[in-house]
Amino acid sequence: MSGQYTDFIVVVTGASTGLGRAVALEVAAQGAKAVVINYAHNRDDAEETARLVGAFGAETVVVQGDV
């Protein structure tokens, strides 16, 4: 897949829900090689974002932290 983020590794803060999740999905759809998903409190939501991002073929890493 090619797009604006082809082969980029992207870090998205607050990616477990809402706008952060939407950004993570968009960069994956645009060809990101990997997406680092940052969350503060809800790992289950972050893991769901990782599953959705992975469907685009991007690798995912889920990291807890208050950024």
Protein backbone atom coordinates (compact mmCIF):
# COMPACT_ATOMS: atom_id res chain seq x y z
CA MET A 1 0.00 0.00 0.00
CA SER A 2 1.31 3.44 -0.78
CA GLY A 3 0.27 6.75 0.61
CA GLN A 4 1.41 9.83 2.44
CA TYR A 5 2.93 7.80 5.32
CA THR A 6 4.43 4.89 3.38
CA ASP A 7 7.16 3.23 5.46
CA PHE A 8 6.90 5.79 8.29
CA ILE A 9 6.87 4.79 11.95
CA VAL A 10 4.25 6.98 13.61
CA VAL A 11 3.66 7.66 17.31
CA VAL A 12 0.07 8.61 18.15
CA THR A 13 -0.68 9.84 21.66
CA GLY A 14 -4.15 9.19 23.03
CA ALA A 15 -4.73 6.58 20.34
CA SER A 16 -6.98 4.32 22.38
CA THR A 17 -10.17 6.24 21.52
CA GLY A 18 -11.62 9.22 19.71
CA LEU A 19 -9.45 11.51 17.62
CA GLY A 20 -6.26 9.64 18.50
CA ARG A 21 -7.75 6.37 17.26
CA ALA A 22 -8.93 8.08 14.07
CA VAL A 23 -5.41 9.42 13.45
CA ALA A 24 -3.84 6.00 14.08
CA LEU A 25 -6.25 4.39 11.61
CA GLU A 26 -5.68 7.08 9.00
CA VAL A 27 -1.88 6.85 9.07
CA ALA A 28 -2.16 3.06 8.85
CA ALA A 29 -4.49 3.42 5.87
CA GLN A 30 -1.94 5.78 4.32
CA GLY A 31 0.78 3.13 4.47
CA ALA A 32 2.54 3.58 7.81
CA LYS A 33 4.96 0.73 8.47
CA ALA A 34 4.31 0.80 12.22
CA VAL A 35 2.09 2.72 14.61
CA VAL A 36 3.00 3.23 18.26
CA ILE A 37 -0.26 3.52 20.20
CA ASN A 38 0.00 5.50 23.42
CA TYR A 39 -2.68 5.35 26.10
CA ALA A 40 -2.98 6.64 29.65
CA HIS A 41 -5.64 4.45 31.30
CA ASN A 42 -7.53 1.96 29.13
CA ARG A 43 -5.37 -0.84 27.71
CA ASP A 44 -8.39 -2.71 26.32
CA ASP A 45 -9.30 0.24 24.09
CA ALA A 46 -5.65 0.61 23.04
CA GLU A 47 -5.50 -3.08 22.13
CA GLU A 48 -8.66 -2.66 20.04
CA THR A 49 -7.02 0.24 18.20
CA ALA A 50 -3.97 -1.98 17.62
CA ARG A 51 -6.19 -4.69 16.17
CA LEU A 52 -7.86 -2.21 13.81
CA VAL A 53 -4.53 -0.68 12.76
CA GLY A 54 -3.08 -4.15 12.18
CA ALA A 55 -5.85 -4.87 9.69
CA PHE A 56 -4.17 -2.31 7.41
CA GLY A 57 -0.93 -4.30 7.59
CA ALA A 58 0.94 -1.99 9.94
CA GLU A 59 2.88 -3.32 12.89
CA THR A 60 1.71 -2.00 16.26
CA VAL A 61 3.23 -1.33 19.65
CA VAL A 62 0.99 -0.41 22.60
CA VAL A 63 2.65 1.76 25.26
CA GLN A 64 1.16 3.16 28.47
CA GLY A 65 2.20 6.66 29.43
CA ASP A 66 0.81 10.05 30.30
CA VAL A 67 2.11 12.29 27.55
